[in-house]
Amino acid sequence: MTCQLDVAFPSEGRTLRGWLVLPEGSGPFPGVVMSPGFAGVKEGFLGHPYHQVVAEAGIAVLLFDHANTGASDGLPRQELDPVLQQRGYKDALTFLASRDDVDGARLGIWGTSYSGGHVLAVAAHDRRVRAVVSQAMTISGHRNLLRRHTPAGYAALQQSWADERLRLAAGAPPRLVAAFGEDSESVRFQAARPAAERTGWRNEVTLRTWELYDEYEPAASIARIAPTPLLMIVALGDTMTPAEDALDAYQRALEPKRLVTVPGSHYAVYTDRFAETAGAARDWFVAHLRP
């Protein structure tokens, strides 16, 4: 049996909140930090409990909401700043390392979708990370936006960012826009879930979030992750965070590394292939964090 605690820790002047899942027995345990993907919240993991799978293998897991989202503090609400979220990961590692029941010399990080990109960037620079799992990851925000827009549509998006800067400079509140299209796979995925798994989830982000997304290149330093062991989990039919970008990034990563591929779209890693993807992540952390 595991024990789940509500916890909070400081990060960049904000309080971030999450769940700490402790394994059965006495520590100090290895520790892993997890966070949701784009606009996600921790309750979304109730239906695909990666945190529980890893904790049941004898590893403490901290699953937290990013700044400005879910139960965590921060303004403007629903602004997703990828660099700020990476710093949240680092502060979560510090929180784990400060606990007597966690071994600060055996820490790992796990991320999926947007946070799957975050962990690549964090692991490339933070040597406290001893193992990393990146799943269905964002590789290039800019390339993703170019794929989703015509040239005219992308130019209009850039103009909207410039207009928003003028609005904000004049004291107007941040403009909120959809995180996902109403007929998108993401919205259908959320709509099919029980209400408890959608607690705190909002299909909106600030307009500035998309400008920050356009600047985001988390795999730029992927070769610097080594010698930290890297596991990448890729859905081969993923067009939201395209599999082709992930496979290209994997080739640029250095050993030790491992690639796990599964069939299906972006959300297959959470549904049809959950047992496979969760098991691969668990086994990676056990191999590299357990004594």
C-alpha atoms as a PDB file:
ATOM      1  CA  MET A   1       0.000   0.000   0.000  1.00  0.00           C
ATOM      2  CA  THR A   2       1.090   3.556  -0.675  1.00  0.00           C
ATOM      3  CA  CYS A   3       0.376   6.720   1.301  1.00  0.00           C
ATOM      4  CA  GLN A   4      -0.688   9.910  -0.483  1.00  0.00           C
ATOM      5  CA  LEU A   5      -0.107  13.308   1.144  1.00  0.00           C
ATOM      6  CA  ASP A   6      -1.136  16.816   0.105  1.00  0.00           C
ATOM      7  CA  VAL A   7       2.021  18.925  -0.050  1.00  0.00           C
ATOM      8  CA  ALA A   8       3.106  22.437  -0.998  1.00  0.00           C
ATOM      9  CA  PHE A   9       6.488  23.977  -1.764  1.00  0.00           C
ATOM     10  CA  PRO A  10       7.806  27.391  -2.881  1.00  0.00           C
ATOM     11  CA  SER A  11       8.823  28.146  -6.452  1.00  0.00           C
ATOM     12  CA  GLU A  12       9.735  31.508  -7.957  1.00  0.00           C
ATOM     13  CA  GLY A  13       7.718  33.407  -5.362  1.00  0.00           C
ATOM     14  CA  ARG A  14       4.655  31.163  -5.712  1.00  0.00           C
ATOM     15  CA  THR A  15       3.363  28.175  -3.806  1.00  0.00           C
ATOM     16  CA  LEU A  16       3.010  25.020  -5.879  1.00  0.00           C
ATOM     17  CA  ARG A  17       0.789  22.198  -4.640  1.00  0.00           C
ATOM     18  CA  GLY A  18       0.589  18.535  -5.361  1.00  0.00           C
ATOM     19  CA  TRP A  19       0.460  14.981  -4.072  1.00  0.00           C
ATOM     20  CA  LEU A  20       3.378  13.143  -2.536  1.00  0.00           C
ATOM     21  CA  VAL A  21       2.928   9.384  -2.815  1.00  0.00           C
ATOM     22  CA  LEU A  22       5.146   7.407  -0.447  1.00  0.00           C
ATOM     23  CA  PRO A  23       5.789   3.681  -0.838  1.00  0.00           C
ATOM     24  CA  GLU A  24       5.130   1.122   1.832  1.00  0.00           C
ATOM     25  CA  GLY A  25       8.011   0.685   4.267  1.00  0.00           C
ATOM     26  CA  SER A  26      10.611   3.055   5.620  1.00  0.00           C
ATOM     27  CA  GLY A  27      12.827   5.381   3.648  1.00  0.00           C
ATOM     28  CA  PRO A  28      14.798   7.083   2.546  1.00  0.00           C
ATOM     29  CA  PHE A  29      13.253   6.231  -0.832  1.00  0.00           C
ATOM     30  CA  PRO A  30      14.368   7.236  -4.310  1.00  0.00           C
ATOM     31  CA  GLY A  31      12.193  10.077  -5.612  1.00  0.00           C
ATOM     32  CA  VAL A  32      10.574  11.047  -8.907  1.00  0.00           C
ATOM     33  CA  VAL A  33       8.914  14.334  -9.865  1.00  0.00           C
ATOM     34  CA  MET A  34       5.945  14.258 -12.271  1.00  0.00           C
ATOM     35  CA  SER A  35       3.697  16.943 -13.736  1.00  0.00           C
ATOM     36  CA  PRO A  36       0.821  17.117 -16.241  1.00  0.00           C
ATOM     37  CA  GLY A  37       1.024  18.181 -19.866  1.00  0.00           C
ATOM     38  CA  PHE A  38      -0.286  21.305 -21.615  1.00  0.00           C
ATOM     39  CA  ALA A  39      -3.034  22.930 -19.495  1.00  0.00           C
ATOM     40  CA  GLY A  40      -3.300  19.697 -17.501  1.00  0.00           C
ATOM     41  CA  VAL A  41      -3.828  19.264 -13.768  1.00  0.00           C
ATOM     42  CA  LYS A  42      -2.874  16.481 -11.391  1.00  0.00           C
ATOM     43  CA  GLU A  43      -6.449  15.143 -11.130  1.00  0.00           C
ATOM     44  CA  GLY A  44      -6.094  14.036 -14.725  1.00  0.00           C
ATOM     45  CA  PHE A  45      -3.795  11.284 -13.487  1.00  0.00           C
ATOM     46  CA  LEU A  46      -6.571   9.570 -11.546  1.00  0.00           C
ATOM     47  CA  GLY A  47      -7.535   7.660 -14.667  1.00  0.00           C
ATOM     48  CA  HIS A  48      -3.969   6.828 -15.684  1.00  0.00           C
ATOM     49  CA  PRO A  49      -2.089   6.753 -12.375  1.00  0.00           C
ATOM     50  CA  TYR A  50       1.550   6.796 -13.413  1.00  0.00           C
ATOM     51  CA  HIS A  51       2.382   8.148  -9.956  1.00  0.00           C
ATOM     52  CA  GLN A  52       0.857   5.107  -8.267  1.00  0.00           C
ATOM     53  CA  VAL A  53       2.554   2.615 -10.594  1.00  0.00           C
ATOM     54  CA  VAL A  54       5.974   4.097  -9.851  1.00  0.00           C
ATOM     55  CA  ALA A  55       5.311   4.469  -6.104  1.00  0.00           C
ATOM     56  CA  GLU A  56       4.246   0.833  -5.836  1.00  0.00           C
ATOM     57  CA  ALA A  57       7.741  -0.058  -7.060  1.00  0.00           C
ATOM     58  CA  GLY A  58       9.270   1.527  -3.950  1.00  0.00           C
ATOM     59  CA  ILE A  59       9.852   5.072  -5.241  1.00  0.00           C
ATOM     60  CA  ALA A  60       8.421   8.264  -3.711  1.00  0.00           C
ATOM     61  CA  VAL A  61       6.562  10.343  -6.319  1.00  0.00           C
ATOM     62  CA  LEU A  62       5.715  14.041  -6.243  1.00  0.00           C
ATOM     63  CA  LEU A  63       2.961  14.921  -8.738  1.00  0.00           C
ATOM     64  CA  PHE A  64       2.286  18.655  -8.787  1.00  0.00           C
ATOM     65  CA  ASP A  65       0.300  21.364 -10.576  1.00  0.00           C
ATOM     66  CA  HIS A  66       2.351  23.958 -12.412  1.00  0.00           C
ATOM     67  CA  ALA A  67       2.304  27.639 -11.499  1.00  0.00           C
ATOM     68  CA  ASN A  68      -0.881  29.488 -12.517  1.00  0.00           C
ATOM     69  CA  THR A  69      -2.865  26.253 -12.917  1.00  0.00           C
ATOM     70  CA  GLY A  70      -4.876  23.818 -10.840  1.00  0.00           C
ATOM     71  CA  ALA A  71      -4.307  24.019  -7.093  1.00  0.00           C
ATOM     72  CA  SER A  72      -1.042  25.943  -7.425  1.00  0.00           C
ATOM     73  CA  ASP A  73      -0.752  29.685  -6.959  1.00  0.00           C
ATOM     74  CA  GLY A  74       0.298  32.217  -9.539  1.00  0.00           C
ATOM     75  CA  LEU A  75      -0.974  34.913 -11.850  1.00  0.00           C
ATOM     76  CA  PRO A  76      -2.072  35.327 -14.517  1.00  0.00           C
ATOM     77  CA  ARG A  77      -4.182  32.216 -14.233  1.00  0.00           C
ATOM     78  CA  GLN A  78      -3.829  29.762 -17.109  1.00  0.00           C
ATOM     79  CA  GLU A  79      -0.590  31.298 -18.368  1.00  0.00           C
ATOM     80  CA  LEU A  80       1.720  28.434 -19.275  1.00  0.00           C
ATOM     81  CA  ASP A  81       5.315  29.604 -19.220  1.00  0.00           C
ATOM     82  CA  PRO A  82       7.550  26.669 -20.180  1.00  0.00           C
ATOM     83  CA  VAL A  83      10.686  28.111 -18.574  1.00  0.00           C
ATOM     84  CA  LEU A  84       8.785  28.856 -15.355  1.00  0.00           C
ATOM     85  CA  GLN A  85       7.440  25.306 -15.421  1.00  0.00           C
ATOM     86  CA  GLN A  86      10.958  23.922 -15.799  1.00  0.00           C
ATOM     87  CA  ARG A  87      11.980  25.894 -12.717  1.00  0.00           C
ATOM     88  CA  GLY A  88       8.994  24.342 -10.967  1.00  0.00           C
ATOM     89  CA  TYR A  89      10.506  20.930 -11.671  1.00  0.00           C
ATOM     90  CA  LYS A  90      13.811  22.047 -10.171  1.00  0.00           C
ATOM     91  CA  ASP A  91      12.115  23.412  -7.062  1.00  0.00           C
ATOM     92  CA  ALA A  92      10.155  20.148  -6.767  1.00  0.00           C
ATOM     93  CA  LEU A  93      13.466  18.259  -6.806  1.00  0.00           C
ATOM     94  CA  THR A  94      14.716  20.528  -4.031  1.00  0.00           C
ATOM     95  CA  PHE A  95      11.564  19.838  -2.022  1.00  0.00           C
ATOM     96  CA  LEU A  96      12.054  16.085  -2.359  1.00  0.00           C
ATOM     97  CA  ALA A  97      15.752  16.298  -1.506  1.00  0.00           C
ATOM     98  CA  SER A  98      14.947  18.248   1.667  1.00  0.00           C
ATOM     99  CA  ARG A  99      12.815  15.436   3.091  1.00  0.00           C
ATOM    100  CA  ASP A 100      14.238  12.847   5.459  1.00  0.00           C
ATOM    101  CA  ASP A 101      12.194  10.093   3.808  1.00  0.00           C
ATOM    102  CA  VAL A 102      13.657  10.755   0.334  1.00  0.00           C
ATOM    103  CA  ASP A 103      17.226  10.101  -0.815  1.00  0.00           C
ATOM    104  CA  GLY A 104      18.357  13.286  -2.560  1.00  0.00           C
ATOM    105  CA  ALA A 105      21.097  11.383  -4.389  1.00  0.00           C
ATOM    106  CA  ARG A 106      18.546   9.207  -6.225  1.00  0.00           C
ATOM    107  CA  LEU A 107      16.103  11.546  -7.978  1.00  0.00           C
ATOM    108  CA  GLY A 108      14.376  11.251 -11.346  1.00  0.00           C
ATOM    109  CA  ILE A 109      11.898  13.240 -13.426  1.00  0.00           C
ATOM    110  CA  TRP A 110       8.999  12.189 -15.652  1.00  0.00           C
ATOM    111  CA  GLY A 111       7.018  14.316 -18.068  1.00  0.00           C
ATOM    112  CA  THR A 112       4.408  13.881 -20.763  1.00  0.00           C
ATOM    113  CA  SER A 113       3.367  16.016 -23.737  1.00  0.00           C
ATOM    114  CA  TYR A 114       4.315  19.619 -22.812  1.00  0.00           C
ATOM    115  CA  SER A 115       6.084  18.478 -19.645  1.00  0.00           C
ATOM    116  CA  GLY A 116       7.708  15.729 -21.701  1.00  0.00           C
ATOM    117  CA  GLY A 117       9.660  18.570 -23.278  1.00  0.00           C
ATOM    118  CA  HIS A 118      10.318  20.182 -19.901  1.00  0.00           C
ATOM    119  CA  VAL A 119      12.108  17.128 -18.544  1.00  0.00           C
ATOM    120  CA  LEU A 120      14.450  17.049 -21.535  1.00  0.00           C
ATOM    121  CA  ALA A 121      15.509  20.627 -20.828  1.00  0.00           C
ATOM    122  CA  VAL A 122      15.763  20.122 -17.052  1.00  0.00           C
ATOM    123  CA  ALA A 123      17.785  16.922 -17.330  1.00  0.00           C
ATOM    124  CA  ALA A 124      20.212  18.602 -19.716  1.00  0.00           C
ATOM    125  CA  HIS A 125      21.181  21.157 -17.062  1.00  0.00           C
ATOM    126  CA  ASP A 126      20.369  19.790 -13.588  1.00  0.00           C
ATOM    127  CA  ARG A 127      22.799  17.058 -12.537  1.00  0.00           C
ATOM    128  CA  ARG A 128      20.671  16.127  -9.541  1.00  0.00           C
ATOM    129  CA  VAL A 129      18.542  14.208 -12.059  1.00  0.00           C
ATOM    130  CA  ARG A 130      19.750  10.595 -12.176  1.00  0.00           C
ATOM    131  CA  ALA A 131      17.090   9.240 -14.578  1.00  0.00           C
ATOM    132  CA  VAL A 132      14.566  10.860 -16.919  1.00  0.00           C
ATOM    133  CA  VAL A 133      11.466   9.603 -18.726  1.00  0.00           C
ATOM    134  CA  SER A 134      10.009  11.760 -21.504  1.00  0.00           C
ATOM    135  CA  GLN A 135       6.701  10.640 -23.011  1.00  0.00           C
ATOM    136  CA  ALA A 136       4.787  11.908 -26.072  1.00  0.00           C
ATOM    137  CA  MET A 137       6.977  14.966 -25.746  1.00  0.00           C
ATOM    138  CA  THR A 138       6.947  18.450 -27.217  1.00  0.00           C
ATOM    139  CA  ILE A 139      10.121  18.872 -29.247  1.00  0.00           C
ATOM    140  CA  SER A 140       9.545  22.227 -30.989  1.00  0.00           C
ATOM    141  CA  GLY A 141       6.701  24.600 -30.210  1.00  0.00           C
ATOM    142  CA  HIS A 142       7.515  26.656 -33.303  1.00  0.00           C
ATOM    143  CA  ARG A 143       7.370  23.731 -35.711  1.00  0.00           C
ATOM    144  CA  ASN A 144       4.137  22.548 -34.098  1.00  0.00           C
ATOM    145  CA  LEU A 145       2.484  25.927 -34.651  1.00  0.00           C
ATOM    146  CA  LEU A 146       3.680  26.067 -38.249  1.00  0.00           C
ATOM    147  CA  ARG A 147       2.103  22.663 -38.863  1.00  0.00           C
ATOM    148  CA  ARG A 148      -1.213  23.807 -37.371  1.00  0.00           C
ATOM    149  CA  HIS A 149      -1.532  27.067 -39.305  1.00  0.00           C
ATOM    150  CA  THR A 150      -1.395  28.279 -42.863  1.00  0.00           C
ATOM    151  CA  PRO A 151       1.259  30.960 -43.504  1.00  0.00           C
ATOM    152  CA  ALA A 152      -1.474  33.602 -43.341  1.00  0.00           C
ATOM    153  CA  GLY A 153      -2.867  32.094 -40.159  1.00  0.00           C
ATOM    154  CA  TYR A 154       0.536  32.065 -38.495  1.00  0.00           C
ATOM    155  CA  ALA A 155       1.125  35.698 -39.487  1.00  0.00           C
ATOM    156  CA  ALA A 156      -2.240  36.606 -37.969  1.00  0.00           C
ATOM    157  CA  LEU A 157      -1.267  34.787 -34.786  1.00  0.00           C
ATOM    158  CA  GLN A 158       1.972  36.765 -34.567  1.00  0.00           C
ATOM    159  CA  GLN A 159       0.006  40.001 -35.019  1.00  0.00           C
ATOM    160  CA  SER A 160      -2.331  38.985 -32.208  1.00  0.00           C
ATOM    161  CA  TRP A 161       0.684  38.616 -29.908  1.00  0.00           C
ATOM    162  CA  ALA A 162       1.861  42.124 -30.783  1.00  0.00           C
ATOM    163  CA  ASP A 163      -1.646  43.504 -30.187  1.00  0.00           C
ATOM    164  CA  GLU A 164      -1.802  41.679 -26.846  1.00  0.00           C
ATOM    165  CA  ARG A 165       1.435  43.291 -25.721  1.00  0.00           C
ATOM    166  CA  LEU A 166      -0.129  46.714 -26.333  1.00  0.00           C
ATOM    167  CA  ARG A 167      -3.252  45.700 -24.395  1.00  0.00           C
ATOM    168  CA  LEU A 168      -1.230  44.451 -21.443  1.00  0.00           C
ATOM    169  CA  ALA A 169       0.963  47.568 -21.460  1.00  0.00           C
ATOM    170  CA  ALA A 170      -2.211  49.659 -21.227  1.00  0.00           C
ATOM    171  CA  GLY A 171      -3.287  47.726 -18.116  1.00  0.00           C
ATOM    172  CA  ALA A 172      -5.862  45.420 -19.707  1.00  0.00           C
ATOM    173  CA  PRO A 173      -6.293  41.912 -18.250  1.00  0.00           C
ATOM    174  CA  PRO A 174      -4.736  39.021 -20.167  1.00  0.00           C
ATOM    175  CA  ARG A 175      -6.875  37.680 -22.964  1.00  0.00           C
ATOM    176  CA  LEU A 176      -7.897  34.031 -22.612  1.00  0.00           C
ATOM    177  CA  VAL A 177      -8.149  31.770 -25.650  1.00  0.00           C
ATOM    178  CA  ALA A 178      -8.850  28.077 -26.194  1.00  0.00           C
ATOM    179  CA  ALA A 179      -6.146  25.634 -25.238  1.00  0.00           C
ATOM    180  CA  PHE A 180      -7.615  23.064 -27.640  1.00  0.00           C
ATOM    181  CA  GLY A 181     -10.159  23.285 -30.468  1.00  0.00           C
ATOM    182  CA  GLU A 182     -13.671  22.237 -29.548  1.00  0.00           C
ATOM    183  CA  ASP A 183     -13.608  19.352 -32.036  1.00  0.00           C
ATOM    184  CA  SER A 184     -10.058  18.275 -31.192  1.00  0.00           C
ATOM    185  CA  GLU A 185      -8.901  14.900 -29.927  1.00  0.00           C
ATOM    186  CA  SER A 186      -7.882  16.635 -26.689  1.00  0.00           C
ATOM    187  CA  VAL A 187     -11.373  17.919 -25.920  1.00  0.00           C
ATOM    188  CA  ARG A 188     -12.955  14.587 -26.827  1.00  0.00           C
ATOM    189  CA  PHE A 189     -10.463  12.848 -24.540  1.00  0.00           C
ATOM    190  CA  GLN A 190     -11.367  15.145 -21.641  1.00  0.00           C
ATOM    191  CA  ALA A 191     -15.109  14.911 -22.271  1.00  0.00           C
ATOM    192  CA  ALA A 192     -14.996  11.117 -22.060  1.00  0.00           C
ATOM    193  CA  ARG A 193     -13.436  11.150 -18.597  1.00  0.00           C
ATOM    194  CA  PRO A 194     -15.278  11.076 -15.249  1.00  0.00           C
ATOM    195  CA  ALA A 195     -15.869  14.440 -13.596  1.00  0.00           C
ATOM    196  CA  ALA A 196     -13.311  13.711 -10.855  1.00  0.00           C
ATOM    197  CA  GLU A 197     -10.549  13.467 -13.461  1.00  0.00           C
ATOM    198  CA  ARG A 198     -11.510  16.870 -14.899  1.00  0.00           C
ATOM    199  CA  THR A 199     -11.491  18.752 -11.587  1.00  0.00           C
ATOM    200  CA  GLY A 200      -9.595  22.002 -12.084  1.00  0.00           C
ATOM    201  CA  TRP A 201      -9.114  21.453 -15.824  1.00  0.00           C
ATOM    202  CA  ARG A 202      -9.930  24.428 -18.029  1.00  0.00           C
ATOM    203  CA  ASN A 203      -9.827  24.512 -21.802  1.00  0.00           C
ATOM    204  CA  GLU A 204      -8.255  27.955 -21.903  1.00  0.00           C
ATOM    205  CA  VAL A 205      -4.866  29.597 -21.696  1.00  0.00           C
ATOM    206  CA  THR A 206      -3.673  33.176 -21.962  1.00  0.00           C
ATOM    207  CA  LEU A 207      -2.932  34.386 -25.475  1.00  0.00           C
ATOM    208  CA  ARG A 208       0.643  35.036 -24.370  1.00  0.00           C
ATOM    209  CA  THR A 209       0.947  31.302 -23.650  1.00  0.00           C
ATOM    210  CA  TRP A 210       1.022  30.672 -27.386  1.00  0.00           C
ATOM    211  CA  GLU A 211       3.773  33.253 -27.904  1.00  0.00           C
ATOM    212  CA  LEU A 212       5.812  31.482 -25.226  1.00  0.00           C
ATOM    213  CA  TYR A 213       4.998  28.154 -26.888  1.00  0.00           C
ATOM    214  CA  ASP A 214       6.333  29.458 -30.198  1.00  0.00           C
ATOM    215  CA  GLU A 215       9.684  30.218 -28.546  1.00  0.00           C
ATOM    216  CA  TYR A 216       9.936  26.797 -26.925  1.00  0.00           C
ATOM    217  CA  GLU A 217      12.686  24.419 -28.119  1.00  0.00           C
ATOM    218  CA  PRO A 218      13.178  21.977 -25.215  1.00  0.00           C
ATOM    219  CA  ALA A 219      15.228  19.444 -27.187  1.00  0.00           C
ATOM    220  CA  ALA A 220      17.845  21.973 -28.268  1.00  0.00           C
ATOM    221  CA  SER A 221      20.269  20.615 -25.647  1.00  0.00           C
ATOM    222  CA  ILE A 222      19.210  16.970 -25.716  1.00  0.00           C
ATOM    223  CA  ALA A 223      22.806  15.813 -26.292  1.00  0.00           C
ATOM    224  CA  ARG A 224      23.697  17.325 -22.909  1.00  0.00           C
ATOM    225  CA  ILE A 225      21.420  14.960 -20.984  1.00  0.00           C
ATOM    226  CA  ALA A 226      24.092  12.247 -21.068  1.00  0.00           C
ATOM    227  CA  PRO A 227      25.360  10.614 -18.932  1.00  0.00           C
ATOM    228  CA  THR A 228      21.916  10.767 -17.259  1.00  0.00           C
ATOM    229  CA  PRO A 229      19.919   7.733 -18.492  1.00  0.00           C
ATOM    230  CA  LEU A 230      17.136   8.853 -20.862  1.00  0.00           C
ATOM    231  CA  LEU A 231      13.983   6.919 -21.775  1.00  0.00           C
ATOM    232  CA  MET A 232      11.765   8.345 -24.529  1.00  0.00           C
ATOM    233  CA  ILE A 233       8.271   6.925 -25.085  1.00  0.00           C
ATOM    234  CA  VAL A 234       6.763   7.793 -28.466  1.00  0.00           C
ATOM    235  CA  ALA A 235       3.362   7.032 -29.992  1.00  0.00           C
ATOM    236  CA  LEU A 236       4.097   6.423 -33.655  1.00  0.00           C
ATOM    237  CA  GLY A 237       0.781   7.883 -34.817  1.00  0.00           C
ATOM    238  CA  ASP A 238       1.189  11.072 -32.780  1.00  0.00           C
ATOM    239  CA  THR A 239       0.550  14.198 -34.838  1.00  0.00           C
ATOM    240  CA  MET A 240      -0.070  16.580 -31.896  1.00  0.00           C
ATOM    241  CA  THR A 241       3.530  16.322 -30.683  1.00  0.00           C
ATOM    242  CA  PRO A 242       4.741  14.693 -33.887  1.00  0.00           C
ATOM    243  CA  ALA A 243       6.477  11.368 -33.649  1.00  0.00           C
ATOM    244  CA  GLU A 244       8.868  12.330 -36.441  1.00  0.00           C
ATOM    245  CA  ASP A 245      10.280  15.160 -34.338  1.00  0.00           C
ATOM    246  CA  ALA A 246      10.644  12.873 -31.316  1.00  0.00           C
ATOM    247  CA  LEU A 247      12.467  10.200 -33.316  1.00  0.00           C
ATOM    248  CA  ASP A 248      14.811  12.800 -34.784  1.00  0.00           C
ATOM    249  CA  ALA A 249      15.554  14.177 -31.313  1.00  0.00           C
ATOM    250  CA  TYR A 250      16.231  10.662 -30.009  1.00  0.00           C
ATOM    251  CA  GLN A 251      18.926  10.229 -32.644  1.00  0.00           C
ATOM    252  CA  ARG A 252      20.644  13.368 -31.325  1.00  0.00           C
ATOM    253  CA  ALA A 253      20.606  12.129 -27.732  1.00  0.00           C
ATOM    254  CA  LEU A 254      23.664  10.302 -26.444  1.00  0.00           C
ATOM    255  CA  GLU A 255      23.931   7.046 -24.516  1.00  0.00           C
ATOM    256  CA  PRO A 256      22.683   5.779 -22.157  1.00  0.00           C
ATOM    257  CA  LYS A 257      19.254   5.974 -23.751  1.00  0.00           C
ATOM    258  CA  ARG A 258      16.317   3.814 -24.701  1.00  0.00           C
ATOM    259  CA  LEU A 259      13.400   4.315 -27.086  1.00  0.00           C
ATOM    260  CA  VAL A 260       9.991   2.704 -26.526  1.00  0.00           C
ATOM    261  CA  THR A 261       7.446   3.082 -29.324  1.00  0.00           C
ATOM    262  CA  VAL A 262       3.753   2.221 -29.210  1.00  0.00           C
ATOM    263  CA  PRO A 263       1.095   2.346 -31.925  1.00  0.00           C
ATOM    264  CA  GLY A 264      -1.648   4.931 -31.799  1.00  0.00           C
ATOM    265  CA  SER A 265      -2.152   8.661 -31.487  1.00  0.00           C
ATOM    266  CA  HIS A 266      -0.985  11.113 -28.832  1.00  0.00           C
ATOM    267  CA  TYR A 267      -3.506   9.886 -26.264  1.00  0.00           C
ATOM    268  CA  ALA A 268      -2.805   6.190 -26.786  1.00  0.00           C
ATOM    269  CA  VAL A 269      -0.044   6.415 -24.177  1.00  0.00           C
ATOM    270  CA  TYR A 270      -2.718   7.144 -21.532  1.00  0.00           C
ATOM    271  CA  THR A 271      -5.405   4.739 -22.720  1.00  0.00           C
ATOM    272  CA  ASP A 272      -4.846   1.605 -24.785  1.00  0.00           C
ATOM    273  CA  ARG A 273      -1.093   1.571 -24.076  1.00  0.00           C
ATOM    274  CA  PHE A 274      -1.121   2.763 -20.469  1.00  0.00           C
ATOM    275  CA  ALA A 275       0.110  -0.540 -19.016  1.00  0.00           C
ATOM    276  CA  GLU A 276       2.993  -0.595 -21.477  1.00  0.00           C
ATOM    277  CA  THR A 277       4.026   3.046 -21.048  1.00  0.00           C
ATOM    278  CA  ALA A 278       3.624   3.087 -17.258  1.00  0.00           C
ATOM    279  CA  GLY A 279       5.506  -0.179 -16.960  1.00  0.00           C
ATOM    280  CA  ALA A 280       8.375   1.078 -19.086  1.00  0.00           C
ATOM    281  CA  ALA A 281       8.687   4.227 -16.960  1.00  0.00           C
ATOM    282  CA  ARG A 282       8.537   2.227 -13.727  1.00  0.00           C
ATOM    283  CA  ASP A 283      11.177  -0.222 -14.884  1.00  0.00           C
ATOM    284  CA  TRP A 284      13.482   2.600 -16.016  1.00  0.00           C
ATOM    285  CA  PHE A 285      13.333   4.292 -12.633  1.00  0.00           C
ATOM    286  CA  VAL A 286      13.748   1.024 -10.762  1.00  0.00           C
ATOM    287  CA  ALA A 287      16.818   0.158 -12.843  1.00  0.00           C
ATOM    288  CA  HIS A 288      18.502   3.519 -12.349  1.00  0.00           C
ATOM    289  CA  LEU A 289      17.277   4.774  -8.961  1.00  0.00           C
ATOM    290  CA  ARG A 290      16.804   1.698  -6.807  1.00  0.00           C
ATOM    291  CA  PRO A 291      19.952   0.416  -5.071  1.00  0.00           C
END
